[in-house]
């Protein structure tokens, strides 16, 4: 199953187009600032479901319930994450389990 087109954005990195999305509502742990913000990426022009990249950031979710300073995911962050995941072996066209990329070093709950 692919990413929902609604709320997702397109980005082209090194000639390949990807679709990426931040979950609109935080998970319970993200809402309480226990875990950091994540976003998902997949190839946009694939002919079938491929492997989804799930990137864990070092920021709090913008919809957290504790009114902590929210983080943001910018296109340059997504491009850097995609390049790092590709270098570590992520193959977006190959079906399989999600590829997890943890970039949360330095995340500290503000509470």
PDB file of N, CA and C in Angstrom:
ATOM      1  N   UNK A   1       0.841  -1.178   0.000  1.00  0.00           N
ATOM      2  CA  UNK A   1       0.000   0.000   0.000  1.00  0.00           C
ATOM      3  C   UNK A   1       0.884   1.237   0.000  1.00  0.00           C
ATOM      4  N   UNK A   2       0.592   2.170  -0.878  1.00  0.00           N
ATOM      5  CA  UNK A   2       1.419   3.352  -1.010  1.00  0.00           C
ATOM      6  C   UNK A   2       0.960   4.495  -0.123  1.00  0.00           C
ATOM      7  N   UNK A   3       1.722   5.553  -0.169  1.00  0.00           N
ATOM      8  CA  UNK A   3       1.372   6.750   0.590  1.00  0.00           C
ATOM      9  C   UNK A   3       0.123   7.388   0.000  1.00  0.00           C
ATOM     10  N   UNK A   4      -0.675   7.948   0.856  1.00  0.00           N
ATOM     11  CA  UNK A   4      -1.861   8.672   0.441  1.00  0.00           C
ATOM     12  C   UNK A   4      -1.408   9.918  -0.325  1.00  0.00           C
ATOM     13  N   UNK A   5      -1.998  10.153  -1.476  1.00  0.00           N
ATOM     14  CA  UNK A   5      -1.613  11.334  -2.254  1.00  0.00           C
ATOM     15  C   UNK A   5      -2.029  12.623  -1.569  1.00  0.00           C
ATOM     16  N   UNK A   6      -3.150  12.562  -0.864  1.00  0.00           N
ATOM     17  CA  UNK A   6      -3.620  13.748  -0.162  1.00  0.00           C
ATOM     18  C   UNK A   6      -2.664  14.075   0.976  1.00  0.00           C
ATOM     19  N   UNK A   7      -2.149  15.278   0.980  1.00  0.00           N
ATOM     20  CA  UNK A   7      -1.228  15.702   2.021  1.00  0.00           C
ATOM     21  C   UNK A   7       0.218  15.358   1.753  1.00  0.00           C
ATOM     22  N   UNK A   8       0.496  14.684   0.642  1.00  0.00           N
ATOM     23  CA  UNK A   8       1.885  14.353   0.333  1.00  0.00           C
ATOM     24  C   UNK A   8       2.447  15.367  -0.656  1.00  0.00           C
ATOM     25  N   UNK A   9       3.761  15.388  -0.728  1.00  0.00           N
ATOM     26  CA  UNK A   9       4.448  16.313  -1.623  1.00  0.00           C
ATOM     27  C   UNK A   9       5.414  15.538  -2.496  1.00  0.00           C
ATOM     28  N   UNK A  10       5.682  16.079  -3.666  1.00  0.00           N
ATOM     29  CA  UNK A  10       6.642  15.464  -4.582  1.00  0.00           C
ATOM     30  C   UNK A  10       7.987  16.160  -4.458  1.00  0.00           C
ATOM     31  N   UNK A  11       9.041  15.373  -4.639  1.00  0.00           N
ATOM     32  CA  UNK A  11      10.395  15.910  -4.650  1.00  0.00           C
ATOM     33  C   UNK A  11      11.204  15.071  -5.642  1.00  0.00           C
ATOM     34  N   UNK A  12      12.064  15.719  -6.398  1.00  0.00           N
ATOM     35  CA  UNK A  12      12.943  15.010  -7.330  1.00  0.00           C
ATOM     36  C   UNK A  12      14.362  15.085  -6.790  1.00  0.00           C
ATOM     37  N   UNK A  13      14.959  13.911  -6.603  1.00  0.00           N
ATOM     38  CA  UNK A  13      16.317  13.807  -6.083  1.00  0.00           C
ATOM     39  C   UNK A  13      17.123  12.946  -7.053  1.00  0.00           C
ATOM     40  N   UNK A  14      18.166  13.521  -7.588  1.00  0.00           N
ATOM     41  CA  UNK A  14      19.060  12.821  -8.521  1.00  0.00           C
ATOM     42  C   UNK A  14      18.292  12.177  -9.673  1.00  0.00           C
ATOM     43  N   UNK A  15      17.297  12.891 -10.200  1.00  0.00           N
ATOM     44  CA  UNK A  15      16.556  12.429 -11.367  1.00  0.00           C
ATOM     45  C   UNK A  15      15.388  11.499 -11.082  1.00  0.00           C
ATOM     46  N   UNK A  16      15.150  11.127  -9.849  1.00  0.00           N
ATOM     47  CA  UNK A  16      14.038  10.248  -9.487  1.00  0.00           C
ATOM     48  C   UNK A  16      13.025  11.044  -8.673  1.00  0.00           C
ATOM     49  N   UNK A  17      11.750  10.860  -8.984  1.00  0.00           N
ATOM     50  CA  UNK A  17      10.697  11.565  -8.268  1.00  0.00           C
ATOM     51  C   UNK A  17      10.174  10.696  -7.137  1.00  0.00           C
ATOM     52  N   UNK A  18      10.054  11.306  -5.977  1.00  0.00           N
ATOM     53  CA  UNK A  18       9.571  10.637  -4.774  1.00  0.00           C
ATOM     54  C   UNK A  18       8.367  11.397  -4.231  1.00  0.00           C
ATOM     55  N   UNK A  19       7.554  10.678  -3.465  1.00  0.00           N
ATOM     56  CA  UNK A  19       6.435  11.274  -2.744  1.00  0.00           C
ATOM     57  C   UNK A  19       6.752  11.148  -1.263  1.00  0.00           C
ATOM     58  N   UNK A  20       6.568  12.242  -0.508  1.00  0.00           N
ATOM     59  CA  UNK A  20       6.857  12.190   0.922  1.00  0.00           C
ATOM     60  C   UNK A  20       5.724  12.839   1.706  1.00  0.00           C
ATOM     61  N   UNK A  21       5.599  12.392   2.955  1.00  0.00           N
ATOM     62  CA  UNK A  21       4.483  12.864   3.772  1.00  0.00           C
ATOM     63  C   UNK A  21       4.825  12.759   5.253  1.00  0.00           C
ATOM     64  N   UNK A  22       4.428  13.788   6.002  1.00  0.00           N
ATOM     65  CA  UNK A  22       4.500  13.778   7.458  1.00  0.00           C
ATOM     66  C   UNK A  22       3.098  13.435   7.954  1.00  0.00           C
ATOM     67  N   UNK A  23       3.022  12.544   8.913  1.00  0.00           N
ATOM     68  CA  UNK A  23       1.722  12.186   9.479  1.00  0.00           C
ATOM     69  C   UNK A  23       1.079  13.453  10.053  1.00  0.00           C
ATOM     70  N   UNK A  24      -0.178  13.701   9.657  1.00  0.00           N
ATOM     71  CA  UNK A  24      -0.868  14.931  10.071  1.00  0.00           C
ATOM     72  C   UNK A  24      -1.047  14.992  11.585  1.00  0.00           C
ATOM     73  N   UNK A  25      -1.558  13.935  12.167  1.00  0.00           N
ATOM     74  CA  UNK A  25      -1.745  13.905  13.615  1.00  0.00           C
ATOM     75  C   UNK A  25      -0.618  13.104  14.244  1.00  0.00           C
ATOM     76  N   UNK A  26      -0.121  13.552  15.374  1.00  0.00           N
ATOM     77  CA  UNK A  26       0.977  12.817  16.019  1.00  0.00           C
ATOM     78  C   UNK A  26       0.480  11.503  16.620  1.00  0.00           C
ATOM     79  N   UNK A  27       1.384  10.550  16.730  1.00  0.00           N
ATOM     80  CA  UNK A  27       1.067   9.352  17.491  1.00  0.00           C
ATOM     81  C   UNK A  27       0.985   9.760  18.966  1.00  0.00           C
ATOM     82  N   UNK A  28       0.529   8.860  19.814  1.00  0.00           N
ATOM     83  CA  UNK A  28       0.420   9.186  21.238  1.00  0.00           C
ATOM     84  C   UNK A  28       1.786   9.595  21.802  1.00  0.00           C
ATOM     85  N   UNK A  29       2.817   8.817  21.479  1.00  0.00           N
ATOM     86  CA  UNK A  29       4.163   9.106  21.987  1.00  0.00           C
ATOM     87  C   UNK A  29       4.711  10.417  21.424  1.00  0.00           C
ATOM     88  N   UNK A  30       4.409  10.715  20.161  1.00  0.00           N
ATOM     89  CA  UNK A  30       4.846  11.984  19.574  1.00  0.00           C
ATOM     90  C   UNK A  30       4.078  13.153  20.180  1.00  0.00           C
ATOM     91  N   UNK A  31       2.804  12.958  20.479  1.00  0.00           N
ATOM     92  CA  UNK A  31       1.995  14.001  21.083  1.00  0.00           C
ATOM     93  C   UNK A  31       2.517  14.412  22.449  1.00  0.00           C
ATOM     94  N   UNK A  32       3.093  13.440  23.179  1.00  0.00           N
ATOM     95  CA  UNK A  32       3.663  13.710  24.496  1.00  0.00           C
ATOM     96  C   UNK A  32       5.160  14.013  24.440  1.00  0.00           C
ATOM     97  N   UNK A  33       5.702  14.137  23.237  1.00  0.00           N
ATOM     98  CA  UNK A  33       7.126  14.454  23.012  1.00  0.00           C
ATOM     99  C   UNK A  33       8.060  13.364  23.535  1.00  0.00           C
ATOM    100  N   UNK A  34       7.578  12.143  23.593  1.00  0.00           N
ATOM    101  CA  UNK A  34       8.433  11.029  24.013  1.00  0.00           C
ATOM    102  C   UNK A  34       9.273  10.522  22.850  1.00  0.00           C
ATOM    103  N   UNK A  35       8.718  10.608  21.637  1.00  0.00           N
ATOM    104  CA  UNK A  35       9.433  10.154  20.444  1.00  0.00           C
ATOM    105  C   UNK A  35       9.434  11.286  19.419  1.00  0.00           C
ATOM    106  N   UNK A  36      10.414  11.291  18.526  1.00  0.00           N
ATOM    107  CA  UNK A  36      10.528  12.389  17.563  1.00  0.00           C
ATOM    108  C   UNK A  36       9.609  12.241  16.347  1.00  0.00           C
ATOM    109  N   UNK A  37       9.577  13.280  15.579  1.00  0.00           N
ATOM    110  CA  UNK A  37       8.829  13.370  14.333  1.00  0.00           C
ATOM    111  C   UNK A  37       9.385  12.379  13.312  1.00  0.00           C
ATOM    112  N   UNK A  38       8.496  11.743  12.546  1.00  0.00           N
ATOM    113  CA  UNK A  38       8.907  10.858  11.456  1.00  0.00           C
ATOM    114  C   UNK A  38       8.192  11.291  10.180  1.00  0.00           C
ATOM    115  N   UNK A  39       8.765  10.914   9.058  1.00  0.00           N
ATOM    116  CA  UNK A  39       8.088  11.108   7.777  1.00  0.00           C
ATOM    117  C   UNK A  39       8.385   9.920   6.885  1.00  0.00           C
ATOM    118  N   UNK A  40       7.506   9.713   5.897  1.00  0.00           N
ATOM    119  CA  UNK A  40       7.622   8.564   5.003  1.00  0.00           C
ATOM    120  C   UNK A  40       7.893   9.042   3.581  1.00  0.00           C
ATOM    121  N   UNK A  41       8.662   8.232   2.845  1.00  0.00           N
ATOM    122  CA  UNK A  41       9.029   8.544   1.467  1.00  0.00           C
ATOM    123  C   UNK A  41       8.859   7.287   0.632  1.00  0.00           C
ATOM    124  N   UNK A  42       8.377   7.443  -0.600  1.00  0.00           N
ATOM    125  CA  UNK A  42       8.318   6.330  -1.546  1.00  0.00           C
ATOM    126  C   UNK A  42       8.552   6.857  -2.952  1.00  0.00           C
ATOM    127  N   UNK A  43       8.912   5.966  -3.857  1.00  0.00           N
ATOM    128  CA  UNK A  43       9.087   6.356  -5.253  1.00  0.00           C
ATOM    129  C   UNK A  43       7.717   6.706  -5.821  1.00  0.00           C
ATOM    130  N   UNK A  44       7.618   7.816  -6.529  1.00  0.00           N
ATOM    131  CA  UNK A  44       6.326   8.281  -7.036  1.00  0.00           C
ATOM    132  C   UNK A  44       5.983   7.691  -8.387  1.00  0.00           C
ATOM    133  N   UNK A  45       6.977   7.306  -9.150  1.00  0.00           N
ATOM    134  CA  UNK A  45       6.711   6.847 -10.509  1.00  0.00           C
ATOM    135  C   UNK A  45       6.918   5.343 -10.668  1.00  0.00           C
ATOM    136  N   UNK A  46       6.797   4.606  -9.586  1.00  0.00           N
ATOM    137  CA  UNK A  46       6.963   3.155  -9.653  1.00  0.00           C
ATOM    138  C   UNK A  46       5.744   2.483 -10.258  1.00  0.00           C
ATOM    139  N   UNK A  47       5.921   1.265 -10.737  1.00  0.00           N
ATOM    140  CA  UNK A  47       4.828   0.527 -11.348  1.00  0.00           C
ATOM    141  C   UNK A  47       4.157  -0.412 -10.361  1.00  0.00           C
ATOM    142  N   UNK A  48       4.446  -0.284  -9.136  1.00  0.00           N
ATOM    143  CA  UNK A  48       3.839  -1.115  -8.114  1.00  0.00           C
ATOM    144  C   UNK A  48       4.349  -0.673  -6.767  1.00  0.00           C
ATOM    145  N   UNK A  49       3.810  -1.262  -5.714  1.00  0.00           N
ATOM    146  CA  UNK A  49       4.276  -0.855  -4.388  1.00  0.00           C
ATOM    147  C   UNK A  49       5.721  -1.280  -4.164  1.00  0.00           C
ATOM    148  N   UNK A  50       6.514  -0.349  -3.742  1.00  0.00           N
ATOM    149  CA  UNK A  50       7.902  -0.632  -3.426  1.00  0.00           C
ATOM    150  C   UNK A  50       8.116  -0.510  -1.941  1.00  0.00           C
ATOM    151  N   UNK A  51       9.352  -0.359  -1.536  1.00  0.00           N
ATOM    152  CA  UNK A  51       9.687  -0.219  -0.127  1.00  0.00           C
ATOM    153  C   UNK A  51       9.545   1.242   0.285  1.00  0.00           C
ATOM    154  N   UNK A  52       8.884   1.457   1.389  1.00  0.00           N
ATOM    155  CA  UNK A  52       8.723   2.803   1.933  1.00  0.00           C
ATOM    156  C   UNK A  52       9.901   3.110   2.842  1.00  0.00           C
ATOM    157  N   UNK A  53      10.402   4.313   2.742  1.00  0.00           N
ATOM    158  CA  UNK A  53      11.456   4.799   3.623  1.00  0.00           C
ATOM    159  C   UNK A  53      10.793   5.549   4.764  1.00  0.00           C
ATOM    160  N   UNK A  54      11.119   5.201   5.996  1.00  0.00           N
ATOM    161  CA  UNK A  54      10.597   5.905   7.168  1.00  0.00           C
ATOM    162  C   UNK A  54      11.785   6.548   7.864  1.00  0.00           C
ATOM    163  N   UNK A  55      11.783   7.885   7.913  1.00  0.00           N
ATOM    164  CA  UNK A  55      12.891   8.645   8.484  1.00  0.00           C
ATOM    165  C   UNK A  55      12.476   9.211   9.843  1.00  0.00           C
ATOM    166  N   UNK A  56      13.256   8.923  10.856  1.00  0.00           N
ATOM    167  CA  UNK A  56      13.041   9.476  12.186  1.00  0.00           C
ATOM    168  C   UNK A  56      13.946  10.683  12.335  1.00  0.00           C
ATOM    169  N   UNK A  57      13.361  11.835  12.646  1.00  0.00           N
ATOM    170  CA  UNK A  57      14.133  13.075  12.759  1.00  0.00           C
ATOM    171  C   UNK A  57      14.553  13.308  14.203  1.00  0.00           C
ATOM    172  N   UNK A  58      15.185  14.434  14.443  1.00  0.00           N
ATOM    173  CA  UNK A  58      15.590  14.793  15.805  1.00  0.00           C
ATOM    174  C   UNK A  58      14.740  15.943  16.341  1.00  0.00           C
ATOM    175  N   UNK A  59      13.500  16.067  15.843  1.00  0.00           N
ATOM    176  CA  UNK A  59      12.628  17.178  16.203  1.00  0.00           C
ATOM    177  C   UNK A  59      11.301  16.664  16.763  1.00  0.00           C
ATOM    178  N   UNK A  60      10.579  17.538  17.456  1.00  0.00           N
ATOM    179  CA  UNK A  60       9.264  17.172  17.953  1.00  0.00           C
ATOM    180  C   UNK A  60       8.221  17.357  16.850  1.00  0.00           C
ATOM    181  N   UNK A  61       7.119  16.612  16.946  1.00  0.00           N
ATOM    182  CA  UNK A  61       6.037  16.713  15.965  1.00  0.00           C
ATOM    183  C   UNK A  61       5.360  18.076  16.111  1.00  0.00           C
ATOM    184  N   UNK A  62       5.019  18.739  14.995  1.00  0.00           N
ATOM    185  CA  UNK A  62       4.378  20.048  15.080  1.00  0.00           C
ATOM    186  C   UNK A  62       3.027  20.019  15.808  1.00  0.00           C
ATOM    187  N   UNK A  63       2.385  18.865  15.844  1.00  0.00           N
ATOM    188  CA  UNK A  63       1.086  18.755  16.500  1.00  0.00           C
ATOM    189  C   UNK A  63       1.174  18.220  17.918  1.00  0.00           C
ATOM    190  N   UNK A  64       2.339  18.339  18.552  1.00  0.00           N
ATOM    191  CA  UNK A  64       2.470  17.802  19.911  1.00  0.00           C
ATOM    192  C   UNK A  64       1.520  18.531  20.852  1.00  0.00           C
ATOM    193  N   UNK A  65       1.113  17.832  21.899  1.00  0.00           N
ATOM    194  CA  UNK A  65       0.089  18.344  22.810  1.00  0.00           C
ATOM    195  C   UNK A  65       0.662  19.185  23.940  1.00  0.00           C
ATOM    196  N   UNK A  66       1.961  19.241  24.049  1.00  0.00           N
ATOM    197  CA  UNK A  66       2.578  19.958  25.160  1.00  0.00           C
ATOM    198  C   UNK A  66       3.061  21.355  24.759  1.00  0.00           C
ATOM    199  N   UNK A  67       2.739  21.740  23.543  1.00  0.00           N
ATOM    200  CA  UNK A  67       3.117  23.049  23.001  1.00  0.00           C
ATOM    201  C   UNK A  67       4.629  23.270  23.006  1.00  0.00           C
ATOM    202  N   UNK A  68       5.365  22.180  22.838  1.00  0.00           N
ATOM    203  CA  UNK A  68       6.821  22.279  22.711  1.00  0.00           C
ATOM    204  C   UNK A  68       7.150  22.901  21.358  1.00  0.00           C
ATOM    205  N   UNK A  69       8.308  23.490  21.256  1.00  0.00           N
ATOM    206  CA  UNK A  69       8.751  24.094  20.004  1.00  0.00           C
ATOM    207  C   UNK A  69       8.699  23.034  18.903  1.00  0.00           C
ATOM    208  N   UNK A  70       7.866  23.240  17.884  1.00  0.00           N
ATOM    209  CA  UNK A  70       7.723  22.212  16.859  1.00  0.00           C
ATOM    210  C   UNK A  70       8.906  22.169  15.899  1.00  0.00           C
ATOM    211  N   UNK A  71       9.140  20.999  15.373  1.00  0.00           N
ATOM    212  CA  UNK A  71      10.143  20.835  14.332  1.00  0.00           C
ATOM    213  C   UNK A  71       9.486  20.993  12.976  1.00  0.00           C
ATOM    214  N   UNK A  72      10.270  21.013  11.954  1.00  0.00           N
ATOM    215  CA  UNK A  72       9.728  21.082  10.599  1.00  0.00           C
ATOM    216  C   UNK A  72      10.593  20.231   9.690  1.00  0.00           C
ATOM    217  N   UNK A  73       9.961  19.722   8.663  1.00  0.00           N
ATOM    218  CA  UNK A  73      10.675  18.940   7.656  1.00  0.00           C
ATOM    219  C   UNK A  73      10.640  19.749   6.377  1.00  0.00           C
ATOM    220  N   UNK A  74      11.791  20.113   5.902  1.00  0.00           N
ATOM    221  CA  UNK A  74      11.906  20.913   4.681  1.00  0.00           C
ATOM    222  C   UNK A  74      12.371  20.008   3.546  1.00  0.00           C
ATOM    223  N   UNK A  75      12.116  20.404   2.312  1.00  0.00           N
ATOM    224  CA  UNK A  75      12.523  19.577   1.179  1.00  0.00           C
ATOM    225  C   UNK A  75      14.014  19.212   1.185  1.00  0.00           C
ATOM    226  N   UNK A  76      14.879  20.124   1.638  1.00  0.00           N
ATOM    227  CA  UNK A  76      16.308  19.787   1.663  1.00  0.00           C
ATOM    228  C   UNK A  76      16.598  18.694   2.695  1.00  0.00           C
ATOM    229  N   UNK A  77      15.819  18.642   3.787  1.00  0.00           N
ATOM    230  CA  UNK A  77      15.978  17.556   4.761  1.00  0.00           C
ATOM    231  C   UNK A  77      15.566  16.226   4.140  1.00  0.00           C
ATOM    232  N   UNK A  78      14.475  16.254   3.389  1.00  0.00           N
ATOM    233  CA  UNK A  78      13.995  15.033   2.731  1.00  0.00           C
ATOM    234  C   UNK A  78      15.019  14.550   1.711  1.00  0.00           C
ATOM    235  N   UNK A  79      15.549  15.457   0.909  1.00  0.00           N
ATOM    236  CA  UNK A  79      16.548  15.081  -0.102  1.00  0.00           C
ATOM    237  C   UNK A  79      17.784  14.469   0.549  1.00  0.00           C
ATOM    238  N   UNK A  80      18.240  15.058   1.646  1.00  0.00           N
ATOM    239  CA  UNK A  80      19.398  14.514   2.361  1.00  0.00           C
ATOM    240  C   UNK A  80      19.089  13.123   2.911  1.00  0.00           C
ATOM    241  N   UNK A  81      17.895  12.947   3.472  1.00  0.00           N
ATOM    242  CA  UNK A  81      17.489  11.643   3.988  1.00  0.00           C
ATOM    243  C   UNK A  81      17.421  10.587   2.899  1.00  0.00           C
ATOM    244  N   UNK A  82      16.888  10.957   1.738  1.00  0.00           N
ATOM    245  CA  UNK A  82      16.798  10.024   0.614  1.00  0.00           C
ATOM    246  C   UNK A  82      18.195   9.607   0.159  1.00  0.00           C
ATOM    247  N   UNK A  83      19.082  10.570   0.010  1.00  0.00           N
ATOM    248  CA  UNK A  83      20.452  10.240  -0.421  1.00  0.00           C
ATOM    249  C   UNK A  83      21.159   9.340   0.590  1.00  0.00           C
ATOM    250  N   UNK A  84      20.973   9.617   1.873  1.00  0.00           N
ATOM    251  CA  UNK A  84      21.598   8.795   2.905  1.00  0.00           C
ATOM    252  C   UNK A  84      21.027   7.378   2.887  1.00  0.00           C
ATOM    253  N   UNK A  85      19.717   7.256   2.736  1.00  0.00           N
ATOM    254  CA  UNK A  85      19.082   5.933   2.693  1.00  0.00           C
ATOM    255  C   UNK A  85      19.533   5.149   1.464  1.00  0.00           C
ATOM    256  N   UNK A  86      19.638   5.815   0.324  1.00  0.00           N
ATOM    257  CA  UNK A  86      20.110   5.141  -0.897  1.00  0.00           C
ATOM    258  C   UNK A  86      21.538   4.646  -0.704  1.00  0.00           C
ATOM    259  N   UNK A  87      22.373   5.451  -0.053  1.00  0.00           N
ATOM    260  CA  UNK A  87      23.759   5.049   0.203  1.00  0.00           C
ATOM    261  C   UNK A  87      23.820   3.855   1.157  1.00  0.00           C
ATOM    262  N   UNK A  88      22.818   3.722   2.027  1.00  0.00           N
ATOM    263  CA  UNK A  88      22.780   2.616   2.988  1.00  0.00           C
ATOM    264  C   UNK A  88      22.050   1.385   2.448  1.00  0.00           C
ATOM    265  N   UNK A  89      21.586   1.461   1.196  1.00  0.00           N
ATOM    266  CA  UNK A  89      21.003   0.271   0.590  1.00  0.00           C
ATOM    267  C   UNK A  89      19.504   0.287   0.336  1.00  0.00           C
ATOM    268  N   UNK A  90      18.831   1.406   0.549  1.00  0.00           N
ATOM    269  CA  UNK A  90      17.396   1.465   0.280  1.00  0.00           C
ATOM    270  C   UNK A  90      17.154   1.407  -1.218  1.00  0.00           C
ATOM    271  N   UNK A  91      16.317   0.482  -1.635  1.00  0.00           N
ATOM    272  CA  UNK A  91      15.918   0.346  -3.032  1.00  0.00           C
ATOM    273  C   UNK A  91      14.422   0.594  -3.116  1.00  0.00           C
ATOM    274  N   UNK A  92      14.001   1.802  -3.510  1.00  0.00           N
ATOM    275  CA  UNK A  92      12.580   2.154  -3.464  1.00  0.00           C
ATOM    276  C   UNK A  92      11.680   1.339  -4.384  1.00  0.00           C
ATOM    277  N   UNK A  93      12.212   0.769  -5.444  1.00  0.00           N
ATOM    278  CA  UNK A  93      11.388   0.003  -6.374  1.00  0.00           C
ATOM    279  C   UNK A  93      11.194  -1.446  -5.927  1.00  0.00           C
ATOM    280  N   UNK A  94      12.017  -1.903  -5.017  1.00  0.00           N
ATOM    281  CA  UNK A  94      11.950  -3.294  -4.573  1.00  0.00           C
ATOM    282  C   UNK A  94      10.909  -3.434  -3.457  1.00  0.00           C
ATOM    283  N   UNK A  95       9.953  -4.357  -3.605  1.00  0.00           N
ATOM    284  CA  UNK A  95       8.965  -4.540  -2.545  1.00  0.00           C
ATOM    285  C   UNK A  95       9.598  -5.134  -1.292  1.00  0.00           C
ATOM    286  N   UNK A  96       9.011  -4.822  -0.167  1.00  0.00           N
ATOM    287  CA  UNK A  96       9.524  -5.350   1.086  1.00  0.00           C
ATOM    288  C   UNK A  96       9.090  -4.527   2.269  1.00  0.00           C
ATOM    289  N   UNK A  97       9.651  -4.831   3.407  1.00  0.00           N
ATOM    290  CA  UNK A  97       9.352  -4.114   4.643  1.00  0.00           C
ATOM    291  C   UNK A  97       9.897  -2.698   4.564  1.00  0.00           C
ATOM    292  N   UNK A  98       9.329  -1.782   5.348  1.00  0.00           N
ATOM    293  CA  UNK A  98       9.832  -0.408   5.349  1.00  0.00           C
ATOM    294  C   UNK A  98      11.311  -0.347   5.718  1.00  0.00           C
ATOM    295  N   UNK A  99      12.013   0.558   5.077  1.00  0.00           N
ATOM    296  CA  UNK A  99      13.422   0.805   5.359  1.00  0.00           C
ATOM    297  C   UNK A  99      13.472   1.927   6.383  1.00  0.00           C
ATOM    298  N   UNK A 100      14.051   1.661   7.542  1.00  0.00           N
ATOM    299  CA  UNK A 100      14.082   2.635   8.627  1.00  0.00           C
ATOM    300  C   UNK A 100      15.415   3.373   8.643  1.00  0.00           C
ATOM    301  N   UNK A 101      15.339   4.693   8.653  1.00  0.00           N
ATOM    302  CA  UNK A 101      16.524   5.534   8.730  1.00  0.00           C
ATOM    303  C   UNK A 101      16.390   6.398   9.974  1.00  0.00           C
ATOM    304  N   UNK A 102      17.238   6.172  10.941  1.00  0.00           N
ATOM    305  CA  UNK A 102      17.170   6.894  12.210  1.00  0.00           C
ATOM    306  C   UNK A 102      18.149   8.051  12.197  1.00  0.00           C
ATOM    307  N   UNK A 103      17.617   9.256  12.159  1.00  0.00           N
ATOM    308  CA  UNK A 103      18.434  10.469  12.200  1.00  0.00           C
ATOM    309  C   UNK A 103      18.114  11.253  13.469  1.00  0.00           C
ATOM    310  N   UNK A 104      17.750  10.526  14.533  1.00  0.00           N
ATOM    311  CA  UNK A 104      17.279  11.171  15.759  1.00  0.00           C
ATOM    312  C   UNK A 104      18.381  11.413  16.805  1.00  0.00           C
ATOM    313  N   UNK A 105      19.615  11.190  16.438  1.00  0.00           N
ATOM    314  CA  UNK A 105      20.692  11.458  17.381  1.00  0.00           C
ATOM    315  C   UNK A 105      20.597  12.919  17.816  1.00  0.00           C
ATOM    316  N   UNK A 106      20.538  13.136  19.078  1.00  0.00           N
ATOM    317  CA  UNK A 106      20.415  14.488  19.586  1.00  0.00           C
ATOM    318  C   UNK A 106      18.998  14.862  19.993  1.00  0.00           C
ATOM    319  N   UNK A 107      18.015  13.966  19.722  1.00  0.00           N
ATOM    320  CA  UNK A 107      16.639  14.274  20.141  1.00  0.00           C
ATOM    321  C   UNK A 107      16.555  14.167  21.653  1.00  0.00           C
ATOM    322  N   UNK A 108      16.028  15.198  22.251  1.00  0.00           N
ATOM    323  CA  UNK A 108      15.783  15.201  23.694  1.00  0.00           C
ATOM    324  C   UNK A 108      14.390  15.728  23.926  1.00  0.00           C
ATOM    325  N   UNK A 109      13.635  14.986  24.671  1.00  0.00           N
ATOM    326  CA  UNK A 109      12.295  15.437  25.003  1.00  0.00           C
ATOM    327  C   UNK A 109      12.391  16.729  25.805  1.00  0.00           C
ATOM    328  N   UNK A 110      11.621  17.739  25.443  1.00  0.00           N
ATOM    329  CA  UNK A 110      11.686  18.989  26.197  1.00  0.00           C
ATOM    330  C   UNK A 110      11.078  18.873  27.589  1.00  0.00           C
ATOM    331  N   UNK A 111      10.492  17.701  27.881  1.00  0.00           N
ATOM    332  CA  UNK A 111       9.833  17.522  29.186  1.00  0.00           C
ATOM    333  C   UNK A 111      10.357  16.314  29.912  1.00  0.00           C
TER     334      UNK A 111
END
